[in-house]
Amino acid sequence: MKLTYHIPTEQYGFLEIEVDNAEEIPPYEELKARAVGKAGEGMADLEFNRVLDKYMKEHTMLAEEYEMMDYKQQGIIQCLKKAYKRQNNDK
């Protein structure tokens, strides 16, 4: 079985990855992280916790801080943003 992923890398660009062995297909987010170069990078835990605490208190963050995060860390922030948005819509 052959599987093809299209991973966006810029506004109109993408990277195509073909995987031949269906039994060893890594998750999409892992492939995306490898392709775009975020794998293994990101903020150190102490720094991320500081930024996360600040975001939870103030609901704001610097763009530079967000860019320093890896996909997992950015995913956490996105979940919080969606939760805050839902809470504000319920009021």
PDB file of N, CA and C in Angstrom:
ATOM      1  N   MET A   1       0.838  -1.181   0.000  1.00  0.00           N
ATOM      2  CA  MET A   1       0.000   0.000   0.000  1.00  0.00           C
ATOM      3  C   MET A   1       0.880   1.239   0.000  1.00  0.00           C
ATOM      4  N   LYS A   2       0.514   2.206  -0.776  1.00  0.00           N
ATOM      5  CA  LYS A   2       1.270   3.438  -0.885  1.00  0.00           C
ATOM      6  C   LYS A   2       0.387   4.589  -0.416  1.00  0.00           C
ATOM      7  N   LEU A   3       0.931   5.460   0.426  1.00  0.00           N
ATOM      8  CA  LEU A   3       0.187   6.588   0.954  1.00  0.00           C
ATOM      9  C   LEU A   3       0.947   7.860   0.632  1.00  0.00           C
ATOM     10  N   THR A   4       0.228   8.898   0.190  1.00  0.00           N
ATOM     11  CA  THR A   4       0.849  10.176  -0.146  1.00  0.00           C
ATOM     12  C   THR A   4       0.293  11.261   0.754  1.00  0.00           C
ATOM     13  N   TYR A   5       1.189  11.998   1.408  1.00  0.00           N
ATOM     14  CA  TYR A   5       0.812  13.140   2.225  1.00  0.00           C
ATOM     15  C   TYR A   5       1.173  14.416   1.472  1.00  0.00           C
ATOM     16  N   HIS A   6       0.303  15.399   1.507  1.00  0.00           N
ATOM     17  CA  HIS A   6       0.605  16.734   1.007  1.00  0.00           C
ATOM     18  C   HIS A   6       0.702  17.640   2.229  1.00  0.00           C
ATOM     19  N   ILE A   7       1.903  18.125   2.508  1.00  0.00           N
ATOM     20  CA  ILE A   7       2.143  18.923   3.704  1.00  0.00           C
ATOM     21  C   ILE A   7       2.388  20.374   3.279  1.00  0.00           C
ATOM     22  N   PRO A   8       1.506  21.303   3.688  1.00  0.00           N
ATOM     23  CA  PRO A   8       1.699  22.709   3.318  1.00  0.00           C
ATOM     24  C   PRO A   8       2.970  23.271   3.945  1.00  0.00           C
ATOM     25  N   THR A   9       3.740  23.986   3.131  1.00  0.00           N
ATOM     26  CA  THR A   9       4.970  24.588   3.629  1.00  0.00           C
ATOM     27  C   THR A   9       4.952  26.104   3.507  1.00  0.00           C
ATOM     28  N   GLU A  10       4.098  26.624   2.663  1.00  0.00           N
ATOM     29  CA  GLU A  10       3.929  28.057   2.487  1.00  0.00           C
ATOM     30  C   GLU A  10       2.554  28.281   1.887  1.00  0.00           C
ATOM     31  N   GLN A  11       2.212  29.515   1.552  1.00  0.00           N
ATOM     32  CA  GLN A  11       0.847  29.811   1.141  1.00  0.00           C
ATOM     33  C   GLN A  11       0.371  28.955  -0.037  1.00  0.00           C
ATOM     34  N   TYR A  12       1.154  28.837  -1.087  1.00  0.00           N
ATOM     35  CA  TYR A  12       0.737  28.050  -2.251  1.00  0.00           C
ATOM     36  C   TYR A  12       1.664  26.868  -2.508  1.00  0.00           C
ATOM     37  N   GLY A  13       2.475  26.519  -1.545  1.00  0.00           N
ATOM     38  CA  GLY A  13       3.421  25.434  -1.731  1.00  0.00           C
ATOM     39  C   GLY A  13       3.161  24.284  -0.786  1.00  0.00           C
ATOM     40  N   PHE A  14       3.612  23.112  -1.194  1.00  0.00           N
ATOM     41  CA  PHE A  14       3.471  21.955  -0.324  1.00  0.00           C
ATOM     42  C   PHE A  14       4.603  20.991  -0.608  1.00  0.00           C
ATOM     43  N   LEU A  15       4.796  20.100   0.319  1.00  0.00           N
ATOM     44  CA  LEU A  15       5.775  19.039   0.196  1.00  0.00           C
ATOM     45  C   LEU A  15       5.004  17.741   0.094  1.00  0.00           C
ATOM     46  N   GLU A  16       5.379  16.902  -0.835  1.00  0.00           N
ATOM     47  CA  GLU A  16       4.697  15.621  -0.997  1.00  0.00           C
ATOM     48  C   GLU A  16       5.602  14.517  -0.479  1.00  0.00           C
ATOM     49  N   ILE A  17       5.063  13.688   0.385  1.00  0.00           N
ATOM     50  CA  ILE A  17       5.813  12.564   0.947  1.00  0.00           C
ATOM     51  C   ILE A  17       5.052  11.290   0.620  1.00  0.00           C
ATOM     52  N   GLU A  18       5.750  10.338   0.035  1.00  0.00           N
ATOM     53  CA  GLU A  18       5.149   9.044  -0.266  1.00  0.00           C
ATOM     54  C   GLU A  18       5.712   7.997   0.680  1.00  0.00           C
ATOM     55  N   VAL A  19       4.831   7.196   1.249  1.00  0.00           N
ATOM     56  CA  VAL A  19       5.218   6.142   2.168  1.00  0.00           C
ATOM     57  C   VAL A  19       4.780   4.828   1.550  1.00  0.00           C
ATOM     58  N   ASP A  20       5.706   3.884   1.403  1.00  0.00           N
ATOM     59  CA  ASP A  20       5.392   2.621   0.741  1.00  0.00           C
ATOM     60  C   ASP A  20       4.857   1.557   1.699  1.00  0.00           C
ATOM     61  N   ASN A  21       5.422   1.458   2.883  1.00  0.00           N
ATOM     62  CA  ASN A  21       5.031   0.410   3.814  1.00  0.00           C
ATOM     63  C   ASN A  21       3.942   0.927   4.741  1.00  0.00           C
ATOM     64  N   ALA A  22       2.703   0.505   4.506  1.00  0.00           N
ATOM     65  CA  ALA A  22       1.561   1.017   5.258  1.00  0.00           C
ATOM     66  C   ALA A  22       1.641   0.673   6.745  1.00  0.00           C
ATOM     67  N   GLU A  23       2.365  -0.366   7.096  1.00  0.00           N
ATOM     68  CA  GLU A  23       2.457  -0.768   8.500  1.00  0.00           C
ATOM     69  C   GLU A  23       3.368   0.145   9.312  1.00  0.00           C
ATOM     70  N   GLU A  24       4.229   0.894   8.638  1.00  0.00           N
ATOM     71  CA  GLU A  24       5.185   1.752   9.338  1.00  0.00           C
ATOM     72  C   GLU A  24       4.947   3.231   9.052  1.00  0.00           C
ATOM     73  N   ILE A  25       3.711   3.614   8.822  1.00  0.00           N
ATOM     74  CA  ILE A  25       3.397   5.006   8.504  1.00  0.00           C
ATOM     75  C   ILE A  25       3.390   5.833   9.783  1.00  0.00           C
ATOM     76  N   PRO A  26       4.275   6.828   9.864  1.00  0.00           N
ATOM     77  CA  PRO A  26       4.261   7.703  11.034  1.00  0.00           C
ATOM     78  C   PRO A  26       3.023   8.607  10.995  1.00  0.00           C
ATOM     79  N   PRO A  27       2.611   9.151  12.139  1.00  0.00           N
ATOM     80  CA  PRO A  27       1.482  10.078  12.155  1.00  0.00           C
ATOM     81  C   PRO A  27       1.764  11.310  11.289  1.00  0.00           C
ATOM     82  N   TYR A  28       0.702  11.890  10.752  1.00  0.00           N
ATOM     83  CA  TYR A  28       0.820  13.058   9.878  1.00  0.00           C
ATOM     84  C   TYR A  28       1.600  14.185  10.540  1.00  0.00           C
ATOM     85  N   GLU A  29       1.296  14.501  11.797  1.00  0.00           N
ATOM     86  CA  GLU A  29       1.963  15.614  12.479  1.00  0.00           C
ATOM     87  C   GLU A  29       3.470  15.375  12.604  1.00  0.00           C
ATOM     88  N   GLU A  30       3.851  14.116  12.806  1.00  0.00           N
ATOM     89  CA  GLU A  30       5.284  13.800  12.892  1.00  0.00           C
ATOM     90  C   GLU A  30       5.960  14.024  11.549  1.00  0.00           C
ATOM     91  N   LEU A  31       5.325  13.570  10.476  1.00  0.00           N
ATOM     92  CA  LEU A  31       5.874  13.796   9.140  1.00  0.00           C
ATOM     93  C   LEU A  31       5.949  15.287   8.824  1.00  0.00           C
ATOM     94  N   LYS A  32       4.918  16.003   9.201  1.00  0.00           N
ATOM     95  CA  LYS A  32       4.887  17.447   8.961  1.00  0.00           C
ATOM     96  C   LYS A  32       6.026  18.128   9.704  1.00  0.00           C
ATOM     97  N   ALA A  33       6.236  17.741  10.954  1.00  0.00           N
ATOM     98  CA  ALA A  33       7.307  18.328  11.754  1.00  0.00           C
ATOM     99  C   ALA A  33       8.674  18.042  11.137  1.00  0.00           C
ATOM    100  N   ARG A  34       8.861  16.830  10.670  1.00  0.00           N
ATOM    101  CA  ARG A  34      10.133  16.477  10.014  1.00  0.00           C
ATOM    102  C   ARG A  34      10.339  17.282   8.743  1.00  0.00           C
ATOM    103  N   ALA A  35       9.282  17.416   7.956  1.00  0.00           N
ATOM    104  CA  ALA A  35       9.387  18.076   6.660  1.00  0.00           C
ATOM    105  C   ALA A  35       9.630  19.573   6.792  1.00  0.00           C
ATOM    106  N   VAL A  36       8.972  20.204   7.727  1.00  0.00           N
ATOM    107  CA  VAL A  36       9.054  21.644   7.862  1.00  0.00           C
ATOM    108  C   VAL A  36      10.221  22.059   8.759  1.00  0.00           C
ATOM    109  N   GLY A  37      10.749  21.143   9.531  1.00  0.00           N
ATOM    110  CA  GLY A  37      11.934  21.435  10.328  1.00  0.00           C
ATOM    111  C   GLY A  37      11.660  21.796  11.762  1.00  0.00           C
ATOM    112  N   LYS A  38      10.488  21.479  12.283  1.00  0.00           N
ATOM    113  CA  LYS A  38      10.179  21.790  13.670  1.00  0.00           C
ATOM    114  C   LYS A  38      10.472  20.621  14.605  1.00  0.00           C
ATOM    115  N   ALA A  39      10.825  19.478  14.076  1.00  0.00           N
ATOM    116  CA  ALA A  39      11.063  18.310  14.915  1.00  0.00           C
ATOM    117  C   ALA A  39      12.276  18.548  15.808  1.00  0.00           C
ATOM    118  N   GLY A  40      12.109  18.280  17.086  1.00  0.00           N
ATOM    119  CA  GLY A  40      13.225  18.404  18.005  1.00  0.00           C
ATOM    120  C   GLY A  40      13.521  19.827  18.435  1.00  0.00           C
ATOM    121  N   GLU A  41      12.892  20.794  17.797  1.00  0.00           N
ATOM    122  CA  GLU A  41      13.092  22.182  18.181  1.00  0.00           C
ATOM    123  C   GLU A  41      12.024  22.558  19.186  1.00  0.00           C
ATOM    124  N   GLY A  42      11.873  23.818  19.398  1.00  0.00           N
ATOM    125  CA  GLY A  42      10.847  24.282  20.317  1.00  0.00           C
ATOM    126  C   GLY A  42      11.468  24.913  21.538  1.00  0.00           C
ATOM    127  N   MET A  43      10.601  25.433  22.367  1.00  0.00           N
ATOM    128  CA  MET A  43      11.065  26.076  23.595  1.00  0.00           C
ATOM    129  C   MET A  43      11.456  25.034  24.628  1.00  0.00           C
ATOM    130  N   ALA A  44      12.412  25.390  25.438  1.00  0.00           N
ATOM    131  CA  ALA A  44      12.743  24.554  26.591  1.00  0.00           C
ATOM    132  C   ALA A  44      11.533  24.545  27.517  1.00  0.00           C
ATOM    133  N   ASP A  45      11.391  23.499  28.297  1.00  0.00           N
ATOM    134  CA  ASP A  45      10.216  23.338  29.154  1.00  0.00           C
ATOM    135  C   ASP A  45       9.982  24.526  30.090  1.00  0.00           C
ATOM    136  N   LEU A  46      11.030  25.017  30.716  1.00  0.00           N
ATOM    137  CA  LEU A  46      10.863  26.138  31.647  1.00  0.00           C
ATOM    138  C   LEU A  46      10.369  27.387  30.927  1.00  0.00           C
ATOM    139  N   GLU A  47      10.936  27.659  29.759  1.00  0.00           N
ATOM    140  CA  GLU A  47      10.519  28.823  28.982  1.00  0.00           C
ATOM    141  C   GLU A  47       9.083  28.664  28.496  1.00  0.00           C
ATOM    142  N   PHE A  48       8.741  27.463  28.009  1.00  0.00           N
ATOM    143  CA  PHE A  48       7.380  27.216  27.538  1.00  0.00           C
ATOM    144  C   PHE A  48       6.378  27.375  28.676  1.00  0.00           C
ATOM    145  N   ASN A  49       6.707  26.863  29.850  1.00  0.00           N
ATOM    146  CA  ASN A  49       5.818  27.010  31.006  1.00  0.00           C
ATOM    147  C   ASN A  49       5.615  28.474  31.370  1.00  0.00           C
ATOM    148  N   ARG A  50       6.685  29.271  31.290  1.00  0.00           N
ATOM    149  CA  ARG A  50       6.574  30.709  31.573  1.00  0.00           C
ATOM    150  C   ARG A  50       5.630  31.375  30.580  1.00  0.00           C
ATOM    151  N   VAL A  51       5.809  31.078  29.278  1.00  0.00           N
ATOM    152  CA  VAL A  51       4.970  31.671  28.238  1.00  0.00           C
ATOM    153  C   VAL A  51       3.530  31.173  28.379  1.00  0.00           C
ATOM    154  N   LEU A  52       3.362  29.900  28.673  1.00  0.00           N
ATOM    155  CA  LEU A  52       2.030  29.318  28.836  1.00  0.00           C
ATOM    156  C   LEU A  52       1.290  29.957  30.016  1.00  0.00           C
ATOM    157  N   ASP A  53       1.963  30.111  31.138  1.00  0.00           N
ATOM    158  CA  ASP A  53       1.351  30.752  32.303  1.00  0.00           C
ATOM    159  C   ASP A  53       0.930  32.187  31.980  1.00  0.00           C
ATOM    160  N   LYS A  54       1.808  32.907  31.283  1.00  0.00           N
ATOM    161  CA  LYS A  54       1.502  34.278  30.889  1.00  0.00           C
ATOM    162  C   LYS A  54       0.288  34.299  29.951  1.00  0.00           C
ATOM    163  N   TYR A  55       0.239  33.362  29.011  1.00  0.00           N
ATOM    164  CA  TYR A  55      -0.879  33.321  28.068  1.00  0.00           C
ATOM    165  C   TYR A  55      -2.194  33.008  28.781  1.00  0.00           C
ATOM    166  N   MET A  56      -2.156  32.092  29.716  1.00  0.00           N
ATOM    167  CA  MET A  56      -3.373  31.729  30.441  1.00  0.00           C
ATOM    168  C   MET A  56      -3.889  32.900  31.285  1.00  0.00           C
ATOM    169  N   LYS A  57      -2.990  33.746  31.740  1.00  0.00           N
ATOM    170  CA  LYS A  57      -3.380  34.888  32.570  1.00  0.00           C
ATOM    171  C   LYS A  57      -3.844  36.072  31.714  1.00  0.00           C
ATOM    172  N   GLU A  58      -3.094  36.372  30.635  1.00  0.00           N
ATOM    173  CA  GLU A  58      -3.335  37.593  29.860  1.00  0.00           C
ATOM    174  C   GLU A  58      -4.034  37.345  28.522  1.00  0.00           C
ATOM    175  N   HIS A  59      -4.073  36.101  28.070  1.00  0.00           N
ATOM    176  CA  HIS A  59      -4.662  35.733  26.769  1.00  0.00           C
ATOM    177  C   HIS A  59      -3.956  36.416  25.598  1.00  0.00           C
ATOM    178  N   THR A  60      -2.705  36.744  25.756  1.00  0.00           N
ATOM    179  CA  THR A  60      -1.914  37.325  24.672  1.00  0.00           C
ATOM    180  C   THR A  60      -0.530  36.688  24.673  1.00  0.00           C
ATOM    181  N   MET A  61       0.115  36.799  23.519  1.00  0.00           N
ATOM    182  CA  MET A  61       1.442  36.215  23.364  1.00  0.00           C
ATOM    183  C   MET A  61       2.154  36.938  22.226  1.00  0.00           C
ATOM    184  N   LEU A  62       3.452  37.064  22.325  1.00  0.00           N
ATOM    185  CA  LEU A  62       4.244  37.649  21.252  1.00  0.00           C
ATOM    186  C   LEU A  62       4.369  36.654  20.102  1.00  0.00           C
ATOM    187  N   ALA A  63       4.345  37.162  18.881  1.00  0.00           N
ATOM    188  CA  ALA A  63       4.491  36.307  17.705  1.00  0.00           C
ATOM    189  C   ALA A  63       5.829  35.563  17.744  1.00  0.00           C
ATOM    190  N   GLU A  64       6.864  36.226  18.251  1.00  0.00           N
ATOM    191  CA  GLU A  64       8.191  35.601  18.327  1.00  0.00           C
ATOM    192  C   GLU A  64       8.177  34.391  19.258  1.00  0.00           C
ATOM    193  N   GLU A  65       7.410  34.490  20.331  1.00  0.00           N
ATOM    194  CA  GLU A  65       7.310  33.366  21.262  1.00  0.00           C
ATOM    195  C   GLU A  65       6.632  32.180  20.581  1.00  0.00           C
ATOM    196  N   TYR A  66       5.563  32.463  19.854  1.00  0.00           N
ATOM    197  CA  TYR A  66       4.833  31.395  19.163  1.00  0.00           C
ATOM    198  C   TYR A  66       5.721  30.724  18.117  1.00  0.00           C
ATOM    199  N   GLU A  67       6.498  31.502  17.395  1.00  0.00           N
ATOM    200  CA  GLU A  67       7.378  30.954  16.356  1.00  0.00           C
ATOM    201  C   GLU A  67       8.479  30.066  16.923  1.00  0.00           C
ATOM    202  N   MET A  68       8.878  30.313  18.163  1.00  0.00           N
ATOM    203  CA  MET A  68       9.931  29.510  18.785  1.00  0.00           C
ATOM    204  C   MET A  68       9.438  28.128  19.207  1.00  0.00           C
ATOM    205  N   MET A  69       8.120  27.942  19.257  1.00  0.00           N
ATOM    206  CA  MET A  69       7.541  26.682  19.718  1.00  0.00           C
ATOM    207  C   MET A  69       7.569  25.621  18.627  1.00  0.00           C
ATOM    208  N   ASP A  70       7.594  24.346  19.050  1.00  0.00           N
ATOM    209  CA  ASP A  70       7.435  23.262  18.089  1.00  0.00           C
ATOM    210  C   ASP A  70       5.937  23.029  17.878  1.00  0.00           C
ATOM    211  N   TYR A  71       5.576  22.101  16.992  1.00  0.00           N
ATOM    212  CA  TYR A  71       4.169  21.883  16.669  1.00  0.00           C
ATOM    213  C   TYR A  71       3.346  21.414  17.866  1.00  0.00           C
ATOM    214  N   LYS A  72       3.943  20.625  18.716  1.00  0.00           N
ATOM    215  CA  LYS A  72       3.215  20.156  19.899  1.00  0.00           C
ATOM    216  C   LYS A  72       2.871  21.326  20.812  1.00  0.00           C
ATOM    217  N   GLN A  73       3.847  22.192  21.059  1.00  0.00           N
ATOM    218  CA  GLN A  73       3.627  23.353  21.907  1.00  0.00           C
ATOM    219  C   GLN A  73       2.612  24.305  21.274  1.00  0.00           C
ATOM    220  N   GLN A  74       2.725  24.519  19.965  1.00  0.00           N
ATOM    221  CA  GLN A  74       1.758  25.368  19.274  1.00  0.00           C
ATOM    222  C   GLN A  74       0.356  24.771  19.347  1.00  0.00           C
ATOM    223  N   GLY A  75       0.259  23.450  19.290  1.00  0.00           N
ATOM    224  CA  GLY A  75      -1.034  22.780  19.399  1.00  0.00           C
ATOM    225  C   GLY A  75      -1.690  23.033  20.742  1.00  0.00           C
ATOM    226  N   ILE A  76      -0.898  23.054  21.795  1.00  0.00           N
ATOM    227  CA  ILE A  76      -1.423  23.343  23.130  1.00  0.00           C
ATOM    228  C   ILE A  76      -1.995  24.752  23.173  1.00  0.00           C
ATOM    229  N   ILE A  77      -1.265  25.703  22.612  1.00  0.00           N
ATOM    230  CA  ILE A  77      -1.730  27.091  22.584  1.00  0.00           C
ATOM    231  C   ILE A  77      -3.013  27.198  21.765  1.00  0.00           C
ATOM    232  N   GLN A  78      -3.070  26.501  20.632  1.00  0.00           N
ATOM    233  CA  GLN A  78      -4.274  26.557  19.792  1.00  0.00           C
ATOM    234  C   GLN A  78      -5.483  25.984  20.531  1.00  0.00           C
ATOM    235  N   CYS A  79      -5.289  24.913  21.283  1.00  0.00           N
ATOM    236  CA  CYS A  79      -6.395  24.348  22.080  1.00  0.00           C
ATOM    237  C   CYS A  79      -6.893  25.356  23.102  1.00  0.00           C
ATOM    238  N   LEU A  80      -5.972  26.056  23.754  1.00  0.00           N
ATOM    239  CA  LEU A  80      -6.371  27.069  24.732  1.00  0.00           C
ATOM    240  C   LEU A  80      -7.119  28.219  24.065  1.00  0.00           C
ATOM    241  N   LYS A  81      -6.626  28.655  22.900  1.00  0.00           N
ATOM    242  CA  LYS A  81      -7.304  29.736  22.176  1.00  0.00           C
ATOM    243  C   LYS A  81      -8.743  29.350  21.853  1.00  0.00           C
ATOM    244  N   LYS A  82      -8.926  28.131  21.370  1.00  0.00           N
ATOM    245  CA  LYS A  82     -10.274  27.664  21.026  1.00  0.00           C
ATOM    246  C   LYS A  82     -11.156  27.575  22.264  1.00  0.00           C
ATOM    247  N   ALA A  83     -10.590  27.123  23.365  1.00  0.00           N
ATOM    248  CA  ALA A  83     -11.361  27.027  24.605  1.00  0.00           C
ATOM    249  C   ALA A  83     -11.797  28.403  25.084  1.00  0.00           C
ATOM    250  N   TYR A  84     -10.884  29.379  25.050  1.00  0.00           N
ATOM    251  CA  TYR A  84     -11.236  30.740  25.458  1.00  0.00           C
ATOM    252  C   TYR A  84     -12.309  31.318  24.547  1.00  0.00           C
ATOM    253  N   LYS A  85     -12.197  31.044  23.256  1.00  0.00           N
ATOM    254  CA  LYS A  85     -13.185  31.535  22.299  1.00  0.00           C
ATOM    255  C   LYS A  85     -14.559  30.921  22.581  1.00  0.00           C
ATOM    256  N   ARG A  86     -14.594  29.615  22.871  1.00  0.00           N
ATOM    257  CA  ARG A  86     -15.872  28.961  23.198  1.00  0.00           C
ATOM    258  C   ARG A  86     -16.474  29.566  24.461  1.00  0.00           C
ATOM    259  N   GLN A  87     -15.650  29.802  25.475  1.00  0.00           N
ATOM    260  CA  GLN A  87     -16.139  30.377  26.720  1.00  0.00           C
ATOM    261  C   GLN A  87     -16.734  31.768  26.499  1.00  0.00           C
ATOM    262  N   ASN A  88     -16.080  32.567  25.667  1.00  0.00           N
ATOM    263  CA  ASN A  88     -16.566  33.920  25.384  1.00  0.00           C
ATOM    264  C   ASN A  88     -17.846  33.886  24.563  1.00  0.00           C
ATOM    265  N   ASN A  89     -18.007  32.894  23.700  1.00  0.00           N
ATOM    266  CA  ASN A  89     -19.222  32.774  22.891  1.00  0.00           C
ATOM    267  C   ASN A  89     -20.403  32.304  23.715  1.00  0.00           C
ATOM    268  N   ASP A  90     -20.135  31.589  24.802  1.00  0.00           N
ATOM    269  CA  ASP A  90     -21.205  31.090  25.657  1.00  0.00           C
ATOM    270  C   ASP A  90     -21.804  32.171  26.547  1.00  0.00           C
ATOM    271  N   LYS A  91     -21.099  33.255  26.719  1.00  0.00           N
ATOM    272  CA  LYS A  91     -21.553  34.317  27.638  1.00  0.00           C
ATOM    273  C   LYS A  91     -22.617  35.168  27.009  1.00  0.00           C
TER     274      LYS A  91
END
